[in-house]
Amino acid sequence: MPPKPLAPLAKKLMKGVIALELVGVFGVYGLFHMMNNSRDFRNTMNRRFPSVLEVYYQSNEWAGVYGIQEGDHQAWSAKQD
């Protein structure tokens, strides 16, 4: 009896990898969209995951959008006073 070909298994694995990548891309886009629209959400991210917020600020600076980080820090310090 000849061994079964691995083609069906490879197809299933490839579909799973593609599905995981799509979920990851949409998840990252959703996170970016929420951080882009809400200063309060950025404050929450600053408290919980500061490294993620730094990546957000860096990506905006690479895209030519400056001043978001400074504006956030000013607003947050004014809120504490």
PDB file of N, CA and C in Angstrom:
ATOM      1  N   MET A   1       0.843  -1.171   0.000  1.00  0.00           N
ATOM      2  CA  MET A   1       0.000   0.000   0.000  1.00  0.00           C
ATOM      3  C   MET A   1       0.893   1.241   0.000  1.00  0.00           C
ATOM      4  N   PRO A   2       0.750   2.123  -1.004  1.00  0.00           N
ATOM      5  CA  PRO A   2       1.595   3.314  -1.077  1.00  0.00           C
ATOM      6  C   PRO A   2       1.187   4.343  -0.017  1.00  0.00           C
ATOM      7  N   PRO A   3       2.147   5.143   0.430  1.00  0.00           N
ATOM      8  CA  PRO A   3       1.814   6.168   1.433  1.00  0.00           C
ATOM      9  C   PRO A   3       0.896   7.240   0.844  1.00  0.00           C
ATOM     10  N   LYS A   4       0.089   7.836   1.717  1.00  0.00           N
ATOM     11  CA  LYS A   4      -0.844   8.881   1.277  1.00  0.00           C
ATOM     12  C   LYS A   4      -0.066  10.160   0.945  1.00  0.00           C
ATOM     13  N   PRO A   5      -0.477  10.866  -0.072  1.00  0.00           N
ATOM     14  CA  PRO A   5       0.200  12.135  -0.389  1.00  0.00           C
ATOM     15  C   PRO A   5      -0.094  13.189   0.680  1.00  0.00           C
ATOM     16  N   LEU A   6       0.807  14.117   0.836  1.00  0.00           N
ATOM     17  CA  LEU A   6       0.668  15.167   1.849  1.00  0.00           C
ATOM     18  C   LEU A   6      -0.036  16.414   1.315  1.00  0.00           C
ATOM     19  N   ALA A   7      -0.485  16.378   0.098  1.00  0.00           N
ATOM     20  CA  ALA A   7      -1.110  17.561  -0.503  1.00  0.00           C
ATOM     21  C   ALA A   7      -2.341  18.043   0.280  1.00  0.00           C
ATOM     22  N   PRO A   8      -3.270  17.172   0.689  1.00  0.00           N
ATOM     23  CA  PRO A   8      -4.425  17.693   1.441  1.00  0.00           C
ATOM     24  C   PRO A   8      -4.027  18.334   2.774  1.00  0.00           C
ATOM     25  N   LEU A   9      -3.058  17.752   3.454  1.00  0.00           N
ATOM     26  CA  LEU A   9      -2.590  18.324   4.713  1.00  0.00           C
ATOM     27  C   LEU A   9      -1.922  19.679   4.471  1.00  0.00           C
ATOM     28  N   ALA A  10      -1.116  19.759   3.419  1.00  0.00           N
ATOM     29  CA  ALA A  10      -0.448  21.021   3.099  1.00  0.00           C
ATOM     30  C   ALA A  10      -1.463  22.111   2.763  1.00  0.00           C
ATOM     31  N   LYS A  11      -2.518  21.742   2.053  1.00  0.00           N
ATOM     32  CA  LYS A  11      -3.566  22.724   1.719  1.00  0.00           C
ATOM     33  C   LYS A  11      -4.246  23.250   2.983  1.00  0.00           C
ATOM     34  N   LYS A  12      -4.566  22.339   3.913  1.00  0.00           N
ATOM     35  CA  LYS A  12      -5.223  22.750   5.147  1.00  0.00           C
ATOM     36  C   LYS A  12      -4.306  23.647   5.975  1.00  0.00           C
ATOM     37  N   LEU A  13      -3.038  23.290   6.061  1.00  0.00           N
ATOM     38  CA  LEU A  13      -2.095  24.118   6.810  1.00  0.00           C
ATOM     39  C   LEU A  13      -1.950  25.503   6.179  1.00  0.00           C
ATOM     40  N   MET A  14      -1.887  25.542   4.866  1.00  0.00           N
ATOM     41  CA  MET A  14      -1.736  26.831   4.181  1.00  0.00           C
ATOM     42  C   MET A  14      -2.972  27.712   4.401  1.00  0.00           C
ATOM     43  N   LYS A  15      -4.150  27.121   4.343  1.00  0.00           N
ATOM     44  CA  LYS A  15      -5.372  27.879   4.594  1.00  0.00           C
ATOM     45  C   LYS A  15      -5.384  28.410   6.030  1.00  0.00           C
ATOM     46  N   GLY A  16      -4.925  27.600   6.966  1.00  0.00           N
ATOM     47  CA  GLY A  16      -4.862  28.033   8.357  1.00  0.00           C
ATOM     48  C   GLY A  16      -3.888  29.180   8.551  1.00  0.00           C
ATOM     49  N   VAL A  17      -2.732  29.108   7.908  1.00  0.00           N
ATOM     50  CA  VAL A  17      -1.731  30.179   8.012  1.00  0.00           C
ATOM     51  C   VAL A  17      -2.277  31.472   7.416  1.00  0.00           C
ATOM     52  N   ILE A  18      -2.923  31.376   6.273  1.00  0.00           N
ATOM     53  CA  ILE A  18      -3.496  32.568   5.633  1.00  0.00           C
ATOM     54  C   ILE A  18      -4.602  33.171   6.508  1.00  0.00           C
ATOM     55  N   ALA A  19      -5.429  32.322   7.096  1.00  0.00           N
ATOM     56  CA  ALA A  19      -6.500  32.818   7.975  1.00  0.00           C
ATOM     57  C   ALA A  19      -5.911  33.529   9.187  1.00  0.00           C
ATOM     58  N   LEU A  20      -4.868  32.957   9.796  1.00  0.00           N
ATOM     59  CA  LEU A  20      -4.219  33.603  10.946  1.00  0.00           C
ATOM     60  C   LEU A  20      -3.602  34.945  10.558  1.00  0.00           C
ATOM     61  N   GLU A  21      -2.986  35.005   9.391  1.00  0.00           N
ATOM     62  CA  GLU A  21      -2.410  36.271   8.941  1.00  0.00           C
ATOM     63  C   GLU A  21      -3.484  37.327   8.738  1.00  0.00           C
ATOM     64  N   LEU A  22      -4.611  36.942   8.158  1.00  0.00           N
ATOM     65  CA  LEU A  22      -5.705  37.900   7.956  1.00  0.00           C
ATOM     66  C   LEU A  22      -6.255  38.400   9.289  1.00  0.00           C
ATOM     67  N   VAL A  23      -6.427  37.506  10.240  1.00  0.00           N
ATOM     68  CA  VAL A  23      -6.904  37.913  11.570  1.00  0.00           C
ATOM     69  C   VAL A  23      -5.906  38.884  12.201  1.00  0.00           C
ATOM     70  N   GLY A  24      -4.614  38.604  12.055  1.00  0.00           N
ATOM     71  CA  GLY A  24      -3.587  39.486  12.603  1.00  0.00           C
ATOM     72  C   GLY A  24      -3.594  40.863  11.950  1.00  0.00           C
ATOM     73  N   VAL A  25      -3.717  40.892  10.633  1.00  0.00           N
ATOM     74  CA  VAL A  25      -3.721  42.179   9.919  1.00  0.00           C
ATOM     75  C   VAL A  25      -4.928  43.014  10.326  1.00  0.00           C
ATOM     76  N   PHE A  26      -6.106  42.392  10.374  1.00  0.00           N
ATOM     77  CA  PHE A  26      -7.300  43.144  10.759  1.00  0.00           C
ATOM     78  C   PHE A  26      -7.249  43.569  12.226  1.00  0.00           C
ATOM     79  N   GLY A  27      -6.673  42.742  13.075  1.00  0.00           N
ATOM     80  CA  GLY A  27      -6.519  43.110  14.478  1.00  0.00           C
ATOM     81  C   GLY A  27      -5.602  44.304  14.659  1.00  0.00           C
ATOM     82  N   VAL A  28      -4.482  44.313  13.952  1.00  0.00           N
ATOM     83  CA  VAL A  28      -3.544  45.431  14.042  1.00  0.00           C
ATOM     84  C   VAL A  28      -4.179  46.694  13.475  1.00  0.00           C
ATOM     85  N   TYR A  29      -4.913  46.565  12.363  1.00  0.00           N
ATOM     86  CA  TYR A  29      -5.582  47.728  11.804  1.00  0.00           C
ATOM     87  C   TYR A  29      -6.607  48.291  12.793  1.00  0.00           C
ATOM     88  N   GLY A  30      -7.370  47.409  13.436  1.00  0.00           N
ATOM     89  CA  GLY A  30      -8.359  47.863  14.418  1.00  0.00           C
ATOM     90  C   GLY A  30      -7.703  48.583  15.585  1.00  0.00           C
ATOM     91  N   LEU A  31      -6.592  48.049  16.064  1.00  0.00           N
ATOM     92  CA  LEU A  31      -5.862  48.690  17.158  1.00  0.00           C
ATOM     93  C   LEU A  31      -5.344  50.060  16.731  1.00  0.00           C
ATOM     94  N   PHE A  32      -4.770  50.142  15.525  1.00  0.00           N
ATOM     95  CA  PHE A  32      -4.276  51.421  15.029  1.00  0.00           C
ATOM     96  C   PHE A  32      -5.427  52.419  14.884  1.00  0.00           C
ATOM     97  N   HIS A  33      -6.543  51.968  14.370  1.00  0.00           N
ATOM     98  CA  HIS A  33      -7.693  52.852  14.179  1.00  0.00           C
ATOM     99  C   HIS A  33      -8.193  53.404  15.518  1.00  0.00           C
ATOM    100  N   MET A  34      -8.268  52.541  16.527  1.00  0.00           N
ATOM    101  CA  MET A  34      -8.716  53.001  17.849  1.00  0.00           C
ATOM    102  C   MET A  34      -7.721  53.989  18.454  1.00  0.00           C
ATOM    103  N   MET A  35      -6.425  53.718  18.303  1.00  0.00           N
ATOM    104  CA  MET A  35      -5.427  54.637  18.855  1.00  0.00           C
ATOM    105  C   MET A  35      -5.413  55.941  18.072  1.00  0.00           C
ATOM    106  N   ASN A  36      -5.707  55.879  16.792  1.00  0.00           N
ATOM    107  CA  ASN A  36      -5.677  57.079  15.964  1.00  0.00           C
ATOM    108  C   ASN A  36      -6.846  58.008  16.266  1.00  0.00           C
ATOM    109  N   ASN A  37      -7.953  57.455  16.766  1.00  0.00           N
ATOM    110  CA  ASN A  37      -9.162  58.252  16.959  1.00  0.00           C
ATOM    111  C   ASN A  37      -9.439  58.654  18.402  1.00  0.00           C
ATOM    112  N   SER A  38      -8.769  58.050  19.372  1.00  0.00           N
ATOM    113  CA  SER A  38      -9.134  58.298  20.753  1.00  0.00           C
ATOM    114  C   SER A  38      -7.904  58.563  21.624  1.00  0.00           C
ATOM    115  N   ARG A  39      -7.824  59.775  22.128  1.00  0.00           N
ATOM    116  CA  ARG A  39      -6.725  60.113  23.044  1.00  0.00           C
ATOM    117  C   ARG A  39      -6.863  59.332  24.351  1.00  0.00           C
ATOM    118  N   ASP A  40      -8.098  59.092  24.797  1.00  0.00           N
ATOM    119  CA  ASP A  40      -8.309  58.310  26.020  1.00  0.00           C
ATOM    120  C   ASP A  40      -7.810  56.875  25.842  1.00  0.00           C
ATOM    121  N   PHE A  41      -8.048  56.299  24.671  1.00  0.00           N
ATOM    122  CA  PHE A  41      -7.550  54.947  24.417  1.00  0.00           C
ATOM    123  C   PHE A  41      -6.019  54.939  24.390  1.00  0.00           C
ATOM    124  N   ARG A  42      -5.424  55.997  23.828  1.00  0.00           N
ATOM    125  CA  ARG A  42      -3.951  56.087  23.837  1.00  0.00           C
ATOM    126  C   ARG A  42      -3.444  56.199  25.274  1.00  0.00           C
ATOM    127  N   ASN A  43      -4.179  56.887  26.150  1.00  0.00           N
ATOM    128  CA  ASN A  43      -3.800  56.978  27.553  1.00  0.00           C
ATOM    129  C   ASN A  43      -3.863  55.600  28.215  1.00  0.00           C
ATOM    130  N   THR A  44      -4.890  54.838  27.903  1.00  0.00           N
ATOM    131  CA  THR A  44      -4.997  53.470  28.418  1.00  0.00           C
ATOM    132  C   THR A  44      -3.834  52.624  27.913  1.00  0.00           C
ATOM    133  N   MET A  45      -3.511  52.757  26.638  1.00  0.00           N
ATOM    134  CA  MET A  45      -2.380  52.007  26.077  1.00  0.00           C
ATOM    135  C   MET A  45      -1.074  52.450  26.726  1.00  0.00           C
ATOM    136  N   ASN A  46      -0.965  53.726  27.067  1.00  0.00           N
ATOM    137  CA  ASN A  46       0.235  54.235  27.722  1.00  0.00           C
ATOM    138  C   ASN A  46       0.414  53.598  29.100  1.00  0.00           C
ATOM    139  N   ARG A  47      -0.682  53.397  29.812  1.00  0.00           N
ATOM    140  CA  ARG A  47      -0.602  52.779  31.132  1.00  0.00           C
ATOM    141  C   ARG A  47      -0.354  51.276  31.059  1.00  0.00           C
ATOM    142  N   ARG A  48      -0.977  50.612  30.090  1.00  0.00           N
ATOM    143  CA  ARG A  48      -0.899  49.143  30.037  1.00  0.00           C
ATOM    144  C   ARG A  48       0.230  48.624  29.156  1.00  0.00           C
ATOM    145  N   PHE A  49       0.383  49.186  27.964  1.00  0.00           N
ATOM    146  CA  PHE A  49       1.367  48.704  26.989  1.00  0.00           C
ATOM    147  C   PHE A  49       2.126  49.882  26.380  1.00  0.00           C
ATOM    148  N   PRO A  50       3.036  50.499  27.129  1.00  0.00           N
ATOM    149  CA  PRO A  50       3.727  51.686  26.609  1.00  0.00           C
ATOM    150  C   PRO A  50       4.562  51.408  25.358  1.00  0.00           C
ATOM    151  N   SER A  51       5.071  50.203  25.202  1.00  0.00           N
ATOM    152  CA  SER A  51       5.881  49.909  24.015  1.00  0.00           C
ATOM    153  C   SER A  51       5.027  49.922  22.746  1.00  0.00           C
ATOM    154  N   VAL A  52       3.771  49.482  22.844  1.00  0.00           N
ATOM    155  CA  VAL A  52       2.878  49.511  21.681  1.00  0.00           C
ATOM    156  C   VAL A  52       2.579  50.951  21.297  1.00  0.00           C
ATOM    157  N   LEU A  53       2.382  51.801  22.290  1.00  0.00           N
ATOM    158  CA  LEU A  53       2.116  53.212  22.010  1.00  0.00           C
ATOM    159  C   LEU A  53       3.329  53.873  21.363  1.00  0.00           C
ATOM    160  N   GLU A  54       4.528  53.507  21.787  1.00  0.00           N
ATOM    161  CA  GLU A  54       5.739  54.058  21.164  1.00  0.00           C
ATOM    162  C   GLU A  54       5.823  53.668  19.690  1.00  0.00           C
ATOM    163  N   VAL A  55       5.438  52.440  19.372  1.00  0.00           N
ATOM    164  CA  VAL A  55       5.424  52.006  17.967  1.00  0.00           C
ATOM    165  C   VAL A  55       4.411  52.827  17.181  1.00  0.00           C
ATOM    166  N   TYR A  56       3.272  53.126  17.785  1.00  0.00           N
ATOM    167  CA  TYR A  56       2.261  53.956  17.131  1.00  0.00           C
ATOM    168  C   TYR A  56       2.823  55.349  16.834  1.00  0.00           C
ATOM    169  N   TYR A  57       3.468  55.962  17.841  1.00  0.00           N
ATOM    170  CA  TYR A  57       4.047  57.288  17.627  1.00  0.00           C
ATOM    171  C   TYR A  57       5.122  57.245  16.544  1.00  0.00           C
ATOM    172  N   GLN A  58       5.951  56.223  16.570  1.00  0.00           N
ATOM    173  CA  GLN A  58       7.026  56.103  15.586  1.00  0.00           C
ATOM    174  C   GLN A  58       6.468  55.935  14.175  1.00  0.00           C
ATOM    175  N   SER A  59       5.440  55.105  14.031  1.00  0.00           N
ATOM    176  CA  SER A  59       4.874  54.890  12.696  1.00  0.00           C
ATOM    177  C   SER A  59       4.259  56.172  12.153  1.00  0.00           C
ATOM    178  N   ASN A  60       3.645  56.968  13.021  1.00  0.00           N
ATOM    179  CA  ASN A  60       3.102  58.245  12.561  1.00  0.00           C
ATOM    180  C   ASN A  60       4.213  59.205  12.153  1.00  0.00           C
ATOM    181  N   GLU A  61       5.310  59.220  12.892  1.00  0.00           N
ATOM    182  CA  GLU A  61       6.422  60.092  12.525  1.00  0.00           C
ATOM    183  C   GLU A  61       7.038  59.657  11.202  1.00  0.00           C
ATOM    184  N   TRP A  62       7.130  58.362  10.978  1.00  0.00           N
ATOM    185  CA  TRP A  62       7.644  57.876   9.682  1.00  0.00           C
ATOM    186  C   TRP A  62       6.719  58.283   8.545  1.00  0.00           C
ATOM    187  N   ALA A  63       5.413  58.367   8.835  1.00  0.00           N
ATOM    188  CA  ALA A  63       4.440  58.760   7.820  1.00  0.00           C
ATOM    189  C   ALA A  63       4.369  60.275   7.648  1.00  0.00           C
ATOM    190  N   GLY A  64       5.105  61.023   8.473  1.00  0.00           N
ATOM    191  CA  GLY A  64       5.124  62.474   8.345  1.00  0.00           C
ATOM    192  C   GLY A  64       4.123  63.189   9.213  1.00  0.00           C
ATOM    193  N   VAL A  65       3.514  62.495  10.167  1.00  0.00           N
ATOM    194  CA  VAL A  65       2.556  63.108  11.083  1.00  0.00           C
ATOM    195  C   VAL A  65       3.284  63.340  12.404  1.00  0.00           C
ATOM    196  N   TYR A  66       3.510  64.602  12.721  1.00  0.00           N
ATOM    197  CA  TYR A  66       4.274  64.948  13.917  1.00  0.00           C
ATOM    198  C   TYR A  66       3.389  65.632  14.944  1.00  0.00           C
ATOM    199  N   GLY A  67       3.791  65.579  16.195  1.00  0.00           N
ATOM    200  CA  GLY A  67       3.131  66.334  17.241  1.00  0.00           C
ATOM    201  C   GLY A  67       2.079  65.584  18.034  1.00  0.00           C
ATOM    202  N   ILE A  68       1.765  64.346  17.673  1.00  0.00           N
ATOM    203  CA  ILE A  68       0.738  63.608  18.404  1.00  0.00           C
ATOM    204  C   ILE A  68       1.213  63.294  19.821  1.00  0.00           C
ATOM    205  N   GLN A  69       2.441  62.837  19.941  1.00  0.00           N
ATOM    206  CA  GLN A  69       2.969  62.469  21.251  1.00  0.00           C
ATOM    207  C   GLN A  69       3.033  63.683  22.170  1.00  0.00           C
ATOM    208  N   GLU A  70       3.508  64.802  21.660  1.00  0.00           N
ATOM    209  CA  GLU A  70       3.599  66.009  22.471  1.00  0.00           C
ATOM    210  C   GLU A  70       2.212  66.488  22.892  1.00  0.00           C
ATOM    211  N   GLY A  71       1.253  66.446  21.973  1.00  0.00           N
ATOM    212  CA  GLY A  71      -0.114  66.846  22.296  1.00  0.00           C
ATOM    213  C   GLY A  71      -0.739  65.951  23.350  1.00  0.00           C
ATOM    214  N   ASP A  72      -0.463  64.657  23.246  1.00  0.00           N
ATOM    215  CA  ASP A  72      -0.982  63.723  24.253  1.00  0.00           C
ATOM    216  C   ASP A  72      -0.402  64.024  25.627  1.00  0.00           C
ATOM    217  N   HIS A  73       0.905  64.230  25.686  1.00  0.00           N
ATOM    218  CA  HIS A  73       1.544  64.492  26.982  1.00  0.00           C
ATOM    219  C   HIS A  73       1.029  65.800  27.594  1.00  0.00           C
ATOM    220  N   GLN A  74       0.813  66.804  26.761  1.00  0.00           N
ATOM    221  CA  GLN A  74       0.264  68.070  27.274  1.00  0.00           C
ATOM    222  C   GLN A  74      -1.153  67.871  27.826  1.00  0.00           C
ATOM    223  N   ALA A  75      -1.972  67.154  27.065  1.00  0.00           N
ATOM    224  CA  ALA A  75      -3.355  66.936  27.499  1.00  0.00           C
ATOM    225  C   ALA A  75      -3.416  66.097  28.761  1.00  0.00           C
ATOM    226  N   TRP A  76      -2.559  65.085  28.862  1.00  0.00           N
ATOM    227  CA  TRP A  76      -2.574  64.221  30.035  1.00  0.00           C
ATOM    228  C   TRP A  76      -2.048  64.945  31.261  1.00  0.00           C
ATOM    229  N   SER A  77      -1.044  65.794  31.078  1.00  0.00           N
ATOM    230  CA  SER A  77      -0.532  66.526  32.248  1.00  0.00           C
ATOM    231  C   SER A  77      -1.532  67.593  32.684  1.00  0.00           C
ATOM    232  N   ALA A  78      -2.254  68.203  31.765  1.00  0.00           N
ATOM    233  CA  ALA A  78      -3.280  69.194  32.119  1.00  0.00           C
ATOM    234  C   ALA A  78      -4.452  68.520  32.836  1.00  0.00           C
ATOM    235  N   LYS A  79      -4.741  67.275  32.468  1.00  0.00           N
ATOM    236  CA  LYS A  79      -5.830  66.544  33.098  1.00  0.00           C
ATOM    237  C   LYS A  79      -5.504  66.181  34.544  1.00  0.00           C
ATOM    238  N   GLN A  80      -4.240  65.939  34.826  1.00  0.00           N
ATOM    239  CA  GLN A  80      -3.823  65.572  36.181  1.00  0.00           C
ATOM    240  C   GLN A  80      -3.794  66.778  37.123  1.00  0.00           C
ATOM    241  N   ASP A  81      -3.593  67.953  36.594  1.00  0.00           N
ATOM    242  CA  ASP A  81      -3.503  69.162  37.441  1.00  0.00           C
ATOM    243  C   ASP A  81      -4.818  69.592  38.000  1.00  0.00           C
TER     244      ASP A  81
END
